[in-house]
Amino acid sequence: MLAATAAGLLIVAAVHAFAGVPSLTGSGLVGAALRLAVPVGLAALGALWSERAGVTNLGLEGMMILGTWSAAWVGASHGVWPAVLAGAAGGAIGGLVHAVATVTFGVDQVISGVAINLLTPGLVRYLSTINWEGLPEAGATQSPPVRGAIGTFTVPVLAGGHVGGRRSPDLLGAVERRDWFAVSDAAGLLRGLVAEISWFTLFAVVLFALSWLILWRTPFGLRLRFIGENPGAADSLGVAVYRTKYIAVVVSGALAGLGGAFLVTVASGLYREGQTAGRGYIGLAAMIFGNWRPGGTAAGALLFGYSDALQLRQSGAVRGLILAAGLAFLAIGVLLLRRRRRASAVSLAAGAAAIAWFGLLHQVPTQLVYATPYAVTLIVLVASARRLRMPAADGIPYRRGVIDL
């Protein structure tokens, strides 16, 4: 991982230095990527909990919508931290509905998830009309502003900030402004991770660490993952299969709801219809990219957050990403040349095509800029499909005493 990180840093530094495109590791870009990755990452973490227990959760988008509305409803009158709790509660209600339908009544898990995604927009529109129609700065598609704000913190000395009422040095910022090859890129990357970080972002990082600890280092987590692999064997050993599935799916909904609460309390300060913008689906893709593990899931969320941040910057950054991807494909093709010649040939061809596209494309069309996060989602899923291993019982309904042939 360290070698891959160093190689990637050298590639983006070379793209910035020699191709005349904006820096792909600027602290502003990295900070925006981190903020955009949080709602996707929380939805992905929710999917991880559910699918490790053997329940496919396609309703993450709907649960995020419930989280956004619940957070705005409470936050408009009680403040941001009660809004965060309300967002988790709203998502948990959606998870409970999904658990009742799939675990208790055996409804097809895909149908249940899709139904939640289809019904929740209409439900929250109805609730918005009842609660906010006719209010100033609010209505059927928008809530009143949330009271208060979740603060941010900056690591002193490294990224500035204040210590004892005095302005702290900004060592990483000074190095980044020097524009030294690779060194300034590394400084910008690190500064984006330690400057003006929302407390909600830190809370999300803690949730990832806590999920790893629970699922991989506790007896409860072992039982939950056992259920996702073979619920019948787990049941025969006395594991409470149905109760554990319920817990996992409700936690899944709560985490997705927290992702929605982040959009309301940090990203925008109010609820707007459609503000989830498919992040629940991208979160599911991030979890699959991460191979149903917390670390890989976090990496997938950061990747999609980064691609989303690029399209918010400028078309030149997206053009630079195309060149960086081409160079990365060439490097992978060279590494695989002796061991896997077919994969090497495909990678080399993809790299050559990307570099040729970069040369021909002097300005990226606006439509392609906006489509960057979704294009990255598809490309990453296709590239990582062969190394994935989902839980063996994921998506398979379980009935005690019934053998599914």
Protein backbone atom coordinates (compact mmCIF):
# COMPACT_ATOMS: atom_id res chain seq x y z
CA MET A 1 0.00 0.00 0.00
CA LEU A 2 2.86 2.38 0.77
CA ALA A 3 4.51 1.63 -2.56
CA ALA A 4 1.22 2.16 -4.42
CA THR A 5 0.66 5.46 -2.57
CA ALA A 6 4.16 6.67 -3.43
CA ALA A 7 3.73 5.68 -7.08
CA GLY A 8 0.38 7.45 -7.27
CA LEU A 9 1.87 10.58 -5.72
CA LEU A 10 4.68 10.61 -8.29
CA ILE A 11 2.18 10.20 -11.12
CA VAL A 12 -0.06 13.10 -10.07
CA ALA A 13 3.02 15.26 -9.37
CA ALA A 14 4.33 14.56 -12.88
CA VAL A 15 0.92 15.36 -14.38
CA HIS A 16 0.83 18.70 -12.57
CA ALA A 17 4.45 19.59 -13.33
CA PHE A 18 4.74 18.58 -16.98
CA ALA A 19 1.22 18.59 -18.43
CA GLY A 20 0.16 22.06 -17.33
CA VAL A 21 -2.99 20.96 -15.48
CA PRO A 22 -4.11 22.07 -11.99
CA SER A 23 -2.70 20.24 -9.00
CA LEU A 24 -4.56 17.05 -8.16
CA THR A 25 -3.32 17.08 -4.57
CA GLY A 26 -4.09 20.65 -3.49
CA SER A 27 -5.17 20.96 0.13
CA GLY A 28 -8.47 22.56 -0.91
CA LEU A 29 -9.24 19.71 -3.28
CA VAL A 30 -8.29 17.04 -0.73
CA GLY A 31 -10.34 18.74 1.99
CA ALA A 32 -13.36 18.91 -0.31
CA ALA A 33 -12.86 15.24 -1.20
CA LEU A 34 -12.84 14.31 2.48
CA ARG A 35 -16.08 16.21 3.12
CA LEU A 36 -17.78 14.66 0.09
CA ALA A 37 -16.61 11.19 1.09
CA VAL A 38 -18.29 11.25 4.51
CA PRO A 39 -21.95 10.72 3.44
CA VAL A 40 -20.90 8.11 0.87
CA GLY A 41 -18.70 6.39 3.46
CA LEU A 42 -21.44 6.27 6.10
CA ALA A 43 -23.88 4.77 3.60
CA ALA A 44 -21.21 2.25 2.57
CA LEU A 45 -20.55 1.36 6.20
CA GLY A 46 -24.28 0.78 6.64
CA ALA A 47 -24.26 -1.56 3.65
CA LEU A 48 -21.32 -3.42 5.20
CA TRP A 49 -23.20 -4.08 8.44
CA SER A 50 -26.28 -5.34 6.64
CA GLU A 51 -24.59 -7.52 4.05
CA ARG A 52 -22.18 -9.08 6.50
CA ALA A 53 -25.31 -10.39 8.22
CA GLY A 54 -26.63 -11.75 4.91
CA VAL A 55 -29.21 -9.05 4.11
CA THR A 56 -28.81 -7.08 0.89
CA ASN A 57 -29.70 -3.45 1.51
CA LEU A 58 -30.55 -1.60 -1.68
CA GLY A 59 -32.68 0.84 0.32
CA LEU A 60 -29.73 2.92 1.48
CA GLU A 61 -30.76 5.86 -0.69
CA GLY A 62 -34.21 5.93 0.85
CA MET A 63 -32.78 5.62 4.36
CA MET A 64 -30.46 8.55 3.65
CA ILE A 65 -33.47 10.58 2.51
CA LEU A 66 -35.26 9.77 5.77
CA GLY A 67 -32.12 10.86 7.62
CA THR A 68 -31.94 14.20 5.79
CA TRP A 69 -35.58 15.03 6.48
CA SER A 70 -35.49 13.92 10.12
CA ALA A 71 -32.31 15.90 10.76
CA ALA A 72 -33.82 19.04 9.24
CA TRP A 73 -37.11 18.63 11.10
CA VAL A 74 -35.39 18.43 14.48
CA GLY A 75 -32.45 20.70 13.69
CA ALA A 76 -34.64 23.64 12.67
CA SER A 77 -35.83 23.97 16.25
CA HIS A 78 -33.33 22.14 18.47
CA GLY A 79 -29.89 22.57 16.87
CA VAL A 80 -27.32 20.52 15.00
CA TRP A 81 -26.40 17.73 17.40
CA PRO A 82 -30.03 16.78 18.09
CA ALA A 83 -30.38 16.88 14.30
CA VAL A 84 -27.59 14.31 13.98
CA LEU A 85 -29.36 11.98 16.41
CA ALA A 86 -32.64 12.51 14.58
CA GLY A 87 -31.01 11.68 11.27
CA ALA A 88 -29.73 8.40 12.70
CA ALA A 89 -33.19 7.65 14.10
CA GLY A 90 -34.88 8.38 10.76
CA GLY A 91 -32.52 6.06 8.93
CA ALA A 92 -32.96 3.40 11.62
CA ILE A 93 -36.73 3.49 11.05
CA GLY A 94 -36.11 2.78 7.37
CA GLY A 95 -33.77 -0.06 8.35
CA LEU A 96 -36.40 -1.48 10.69
CA VAL A 97 -38.99 -1.49 7.89
CA HIS A 98 -36.51 -3.32 5.65
CA ALA A 99 -35.75 -5.84 8.42
CA VAL A 100 -39.42 -6.55 9.09
CA ALA A 101 -40.09 -7.08 5.39
CA THR A 102 -37.06 -9.26 4.64
CA VAL A 103 -36.19 -11.06 7.89
CA THR A 104 -39.67 -11.63 9.33
CA PHE A 105 -41.86 -11.90 6.24
CA GLY A 106 -39.27 -13.12 3.74
CA VAL A 107 -39.91 -10.43 1.13
CA ASP A 108 -37.34 -10.42 -1.64
CA GLN A 109 -34.53 -8.19 -0.38
CA VAL A 110 -34.02 -6.39 -3.70
CA ILE A 111 -37.74 -5.63 -4.02
CA SER A 112 -37.91 -4.35 -0.44
CA GLY A 113 -34.92 -2.05 -0.93
CA VAL A 114 -36.20 -0.68 -4.22
CA ALA A 115 -39.64 -0.11 -2.68
CA ILE A 116 -38.09 1.92 0.15
CA ASN A 117 -36.18 4.04 -2.37
CA LEU A 118 -39.35 4.67 -4.37
CA LEU A 119 -41.65 5.43 -1.43
CA THR A 120 -39.45 7.67 0.73
CA PRO A 121 -39.28 10.67 -1.66
CA GLY A 122 -43.06 10.82 -1.75
CA LEU A 123 -43.28 10.37 2.01
CA VAL A 124 -40.88 13.19 2.83
CA ARG A 125 -42.57 15.47 0.26
CA TYR A 126 -45.86 14.86 2.09
CA LEU A 127 -44.24 15.50 5.48
CA SER A 128 -42.55 18.64 4.17
CA THR A 129 -45.84 19.98 2.84
CA ILE A 130 -47.51 19.42 6.22
CA ASN A 131 -44.71 20.96 8.29
CA TRP A 132 -43.13 23.69 6.16
CA GLU A 133 -45.61 24.82 3.52
CA GLY A 134 -46.09 28.58 3.85
CA LEU A 135 -43.13 29.18 6.16
CA PRO A 136 -40.59 31.83 5.14
CA GLU A 137 -37.55 30.34 3.33
CA ALA A 138 -39.19 26.90 3.37
CA GLY A 139 -41.81 24.85 1.58
CA ALA A 140 -42.59 21.44 0.15
CA THR A 141 -39.06 20.97 -1.20
CA GLN A 142 -36.97 22.83 1.37
CA SER A 143 -36.73 23.09 5.14
CA PRO A 144 -35.99 26.07 7.34
CA PRO A 145 -32.27 26.46 8.15
CA VAL A 146 -30.84 24.23 10.86
CA ARG A 147 -29.98 26.14 14.03
CA GLY A 148 -26.27 26.36 14.82
CA ALA A 149 -23.34 24.75 13.07
CA ILE A 150 -20.99 21.86 13.68
CA GLY A 151 -17.55 23.33 14.17
CA THR A 152 -14.24 22.46 12.60
CA PHE A 153 -10.72 22.00 13.91
CA THR A 154 -7.25 22.47 12.45
CA VAL A 155 -4.08 20.76 13.69
CA PRO A 156 -1.78 23.55 14.97
CA VAL A 157 1.69 24.06 13.50
CA LEU A 158 1.03 21.63 10.65
CA ALA A 159 -1.89 23.51 9.07
CA GLY A 160 -2.23 26.79 10.92
CA GLY A 161 -5.06 27.54 13.31
CA HIS A 162 -4.63 29.23 16.68
CA VAL A 163 -2.87 28.21 19.90
CA GLY A 164 -3.42 30.26 23.03
CA GLY A 165 -5.06 33.04 21.05
CA ARG A 166 -2.08 33.36 18.69
CA ARG A 167 -1.82 32.36 15.06
CA SER A 168 -0.04 29.03 14.68
CA PRO A 169 2.53 28.35 11.93
CA ASP A 170 1.32 26.58 8.78
CA LEU A 171 4.27 24.37 7.86
CA LEU A 172 2.46 22.16 5.36
CA GLY A 173 0.87 25.19 3.69
CA ALA A 174 4.28 26.84 3.31
CA VAL A 175 5.72 23.73 1.66
CA GLU A 176 2.68 23.37 -0.59
CA ARG A 177 3.04 26.96 -1.86
CA ARG A 178 6.66 26.31 -2.81
CA ASP A 179 5.48 24.10 -5.67
CA TRP A 180 8.33 21.62 -5.26
CA PHE A 181 7.97 18.46 -7.32
CA ALA A 182 6.25 15.67 -5.33
CA VAL A 183 7.17 17.29 -1.98
CA SER A 184 4.60 20.08 -2.33
CA ASP A 185 2.07 17.54 -3.60
CA ALA A 186 2.59 15.41 -0.49
CA ALA A 187 2.29 18.50 1.72
CA GLY A 188 -0.97 19.53 0.05
CA LEU A 189 -2.34 16.03 0.47
CA LEU A 190 -1.50 15.95 4.17
CA ARG A 191 -2.72 19.48 4.81
CA GLY A 192 -6.11 18.66 3.30
CA LEU A 193 -6.45 15.92 5.93
CA VAL A 194 -5.66 18.12 8.95
CA ALA A 195 -7.05 21.58 8.10
CA GLU A 196 -10.62 22.71 8.86
CA ILE A 197 -11.91 19.21 9.53
CA SER A 198 -15.51 18.99 10.69
CA TRP A 199 -16.15 17.27 14.01
CA PHE A 200 -18.75 15.22 12.17
CA THR A 201 -15.96 13.94 9.88
CA LEU A 202 -13.95 12.87 12.92
CA PHE A 203 -17.09 11.16 14.27
CA ALA A 204 -17.41 9.24 10.98
CA VAL A 205 -13.78 8.08 11.25
CA VAL A 206 -14.48 6.85 14.78
CA LEU A 207 -17.53 4.94 13.49
CA PHE A 208 -15.36 3.15 10.91
CA ALA A 209 -12.82 2.17 13.56
CA LEU A 210 -15.57 1.10 15.95
CA SER A 211 -17.27 -0.99 13.26
CA TRP A 212 -14.01 -2.79 12.51
CA LEU A 213 -13.49 -3.41 16.21
CA ILE A 214 -17.01 -4.77 16.72
CA LEU A 215 -17.26 -6.88 13.58
CA TRP A 216 -13.76 -8.36 13.64
CA ARG A 217 -12.71 -8.33 17.29
CA THR A 218 -15.80 -9.24 19.34
CA PRO A 219 -17.87 -12.42 19.76
CA PHE A 220 -20.94 -10.53 18.52
CA GLY A 221 -19.15 -9.54 15.32
CA LEU A 222 -17.97 -13.10 14.76
CA ARG A 223 -21.55 -14.37 15.09
CA LEU A 224 -22.84 -11.68 12.74
CA ARG A 225 -20.30 -12.56 10.05
CA PHE A 226 -20.98 -16.26 10.63
CA ILE A 227 -24.65 -15.63 9.90
CA GLY A 228 -23.69 -13.93 6.64
CA GLU A 229 -21.77 -17.02 5.58
CA ASN A 230 -24.02 -19.84 6.83
CA PRO A 231 -27.08 -18.91 8.90
CA GLY A 232 -28.23 -22.52 9.22
CA ALA A 233 -24.96 -23.60 10.84
CA ALA A 234 -25.02 -20.54 13.09
CA ASP A 235 -28.60 -21.33 14.15
CA SER A 236 -27.65 -24.92 14.96
CA LEU A 237 -24.98 -23.62 17.34
CA GLY A 238 -27.44 -21.45 19.24
CA VAL A 239 -26.77 -18.09 17.57
CA ALA A 240 -29.84 -15.81 17.54
CA VAL A 241 -29.99 -15.46 13.75
CA TYR A 242 -33.14 -13.36 13.41
CA ARG A 243 -32.26 -10.99 16.25
CA THR A 244 -28.74 -10.44 14.92
CA LYS A 245 -30.06 -9.75 11.43
CA TYR A 246 -32.47 -7.20 12.88
CA ILE A 247 -29.67 -5.45 14.75
CA ALA A 248 -27.45 -5.38 11.67
CA VAL A 249 -30.12 -3.96 9.34
CA VAL A 250 -31.28 -1.32 11.85
CA VAL A 251 -27.66 -0.24 12.42
CA SER A 252 -27.27 -0.15 8.64
CA GLY A 253 -30.21 2.23 8.34
CA ALA A 254 -28.94 4.39 11.20
CA LEU A 255 -25.54 4.79 9.54
CA ALA A 256 -27.17 5.72 6.22
CA GLY A 257 -29.34 8.21 8.12
CA LEU A 258 -26.20 9.72 9.62
CA GLY A 259 -24.91 10.20 6.09
CA GLY A 260 -28.09 12.11 5.32
CA ALA A 261 -27.69 14.15 8.52
CA PHE A 262 -24.21 15.17 7.38
CA LEU A 263 -25.68 16.62 4.19
CA VAL A 264 -28.10 18.71 6.24
CA THR A 265 -25.92 19.82 9.15
CA VAL A 266 -22.51 20.24 7.47
CA ALA A 267 -22.83 20.34 3.69
CA SER A 268 -25.79 22.69 3.26
CA GLY A 269 -27.36 23.72 6.57
CA LEU A 270 -30.88 22.72 5.52
CA TYR A 271 -32.89 20.01 3.79
CA ARG A 272 -33.46 20.19 0.04
CA GLU A 273 -35.38 17.69 -2.02
CA GLY A 274 -33.03 15.43 -3.97
CA GLN A 275 -29.90 16.42 -2.09
CA THR A 276 -28.77 12.82 -1.57
CA ALA A 277 -28.22 12.66 -5.38
CA GLY A 278 -27.67 8.91 -5.54
CA ARG A 279 -25.08 8.77 -2.75
CA GLY A 280 -26.77 5.70 -1.29
CA TYR A 281 -26.11 3.79 -4.51
CA ILE A 282 -22.53 5.07 -4.70
CA GLY A 283 -22.07 3.99 -1.08
CA LEU A 284 -23.15 0.49 -2.04
CA ALA A 285 -20.57 0.56 -4.85
CA ALA A 286 -17.89 1.76 -2.41
CA MET A 287 -18.65 -1.15 -0.09
CA ILE A 288 -18.39 -3.63 -2.98
CA PHE A 289 -15.11 -2.03 -4.09
CA GLY A 290 -13.86 -2.47 -0.52
CA ASN A 291 -14.63 -6.19 -0.67
CA TRP A 292 -17.02 -6.04 2.29
CA ARG A 293 -14.29 -4.79 4.66
CA PRO A 294 -14.14 -1.46 6.58
CA GLY A 295 -10.69 -0.40 5.35
CA GLY A 296 -11.44 -1.05 1.70
CA THR A 297 -14.87 0.54 2.10
CA ALA A 298 -13.28 3.73 3.47
CA ALA A 299 -10.82 3.76 0.56
CA GLY A 300 -13.67 3.38 -1.92
CA ALA A 301 -15.59 6.25 -0.30
CA LEU A 302 -12.50 8.48 -0.45
CA LEU A 303 -12.03 7.63 -4.13
CA PHE A 304 -15.59 8.57 -4.99
CA GLY A 305 -15.39 11.69 -2.82
CA TYR A 306 -12.22 12.69 -4.66
CA SER A 307 -13.81 12.26 -8.08
CA ASP A 308 -16.81 14.26 -6.87
CA ALA A 309 -14.51 17.04 -5.65
CA LEU A 310 -12.77 17.15 -9.04
CA GLN A 311 -16.00 17.90 -10.86
CA LEU A 312 -16.66 20.75 -8.41
CA ARG A 313 -13.31 22.36 -9.22
CA GLN A 314 -12.68 22.80 -12.93
CA SER A 315 -12.53 20.82 -16.16
CA GLY A 316 -8.71 21.03 -16.20
CA ALA A 317 -8.56 18.90 -13.06
CA VAL A 318 -10.74 16.24 -14.68
CA ARG A 319 -8.48 16.36 -17.76
CA GLY A 320 -5.48 15.84 -15.49
CA LEU A 321 -7.21 12.87 -13.88
CA ILE A 322 -7.57 11.27 -17.33
CA LEU A 323 -3.82 11.58 -17.91
CA ALA A 324 -3.01 10.29 -14.41
CA ALA A 325 -5.29 7.29 -14.98
CA GLY A 326 -3.55 6.59 -18.29
CA LEU A 327 -0.11 6.64 -16.67
CA ALA A 328 -1.35 4.41 -13.85
CA PHE A 329 -2.73 1.88 -16.34
CA LEU A 330 0.62 1.86 -18.18
CA ALA A 331 2.50 1.25 -14.92
CA ILE A 332 0.15 -1.60 -13.95
CA GLY A 333 0.51 -3.11 -17.42
CA VAL A 334 4.30 -3.12 -17.15
CA LEU A 335 4.17 -4.74 -13.70
CA LEU A 336 1.85 -7.50 -14.95
CA LEU A 337 3.79 -8.13 -18.16
CA ARG A 338 5.48 -11.35 -17.02
CA ARG A 339 2.82 -12.84 -14.76
CA ARG A 340 -0.50 -12.08 -16.47
CA ARG A 341 0.04 -11.16 -20.09
CA ARG A 342 -3.62 -10.82 -21.03
CA ALA A 343 -4.36 -8.46 -18.15
CA SER A 344 -1.15 -6.59 -18.97
CA ALA A 345 -2.21 -6.10 -22.58
CA VAL A 346 -5.63 -4.79 -21.53
CA SER A 347 -4.05 -2.40 -19.02
CA LEU A 348 -1.50 -1.11 -21.53
CA ALA A 349 -4.21 -0.57 -24.13
CA ALA A 350 -6.38 1.29 -21.62
CA GLY A 351 -3.43 3.47 -20.63
CA ALA A 352 -2.57 4.29 -24.24
CA ALA A 353 -6.21 5.13 -24.98
CA ALA A 354 -6.45 7.44 -21.94
CA ILE A 355 -3.23 9.27 -22.86
CA ALA A 356 -4.40 9.66 -26.47
CA TRP A 357 -7.73 10.99 -25.23
CA PHE A 358 -5.89 13.49 -23.04
CA GLY A 359 -3.92 14.70 -26.04
CA LEU A 360 -7.01 15.15 -28.19
CA LEU A 361 -9.21 16.63 -25.46
CA HIS A 362 -8.22 20.26 -24.96
CA GLN A 363 -11.31 21.10 -22.91
CA VAL A 364 -13.49 18.61 -21.03
CA PRO A 365 -17.22 18.95 -21.85
CA THR A 366 -19.37 20.09 -18.96
CA GLN A 367 -21.48 16.93 -19.15
CA LEU A 368 -18.39 14.76 -18.67
CA VAL A 369 -17.24 16.87 -15.73
CA TYR A 370 -20.56 16.35 -13.94
CA ALA A 371 -20.56 12.63 -14.80
CA THR A 372 -17.07 12.04 -13.34
CA PRO A 373 -18.16 10.48 -9.98
CA TYR A 374 -20.55 8.06 -11.69
CA ALA A 375 -18.03 7.16 -14.40
CA VAL A 376 -15.41 6.45 -11.74
CA THR A 377 -17.94 4.26 -9.92
CA LEU A 378 -18.51 2.10 -13.00
CA ILE A 379 -14.82 1.87 -13.93
CA VAL A 380 -13.74 0.90 -10.43
CA LEU A 381 -16.42 -1.77 -10.09
CA VAL A 382 -15.49 -3.31 -13.44
CA ALA A 383 -11.76 -3.23 -12.60
CA SER A 384 -12.20 -4.79 -9.15
CA ALA A 385 -14.90 -7.37 -9.97
CA ARG A 386 -12.58 -10.38 -10.24
CA ARG A 387 -11.04 -10.02 -6.76
CA LEU A 388 -14.30 -9.67 -4.86
CA ARG A 389 -15.77 -12.22 -2.46
CA MET A 390 -19.17 -11.43 -1.01
CA PRO A 391 -20.57 -13.24 2.06
CA ALA A 392 -21.85 -16.62 0.93
CA ALA A 393 -25.40 -16.14 2.25
CA ASP A 394 -25.76 -12.49 1.25
CA GLY A 395 -29.19 -11.88 -0.25
CA ILE A 396 -30.47 -15.39 0.48
CA PRO A 397 -33.61 -15.49 2.69
CA TYR A 398 -33.30 -17.73 5.75
CA ARG A 399 -36.04 -19.82 7.30
CA ARG A 400 -35.30 -22.02 10.29
CA GLY A 401 -35.54 -25.68 9.35
CA VAL A 402 -35.89 -25.00 5.61
CA ILE A 403 -33.04 -26.14 3.35
CA ASP A 404 -32.66 -24.03 0.21
CA LEU A 405 -31.61 -26.34 -2.61
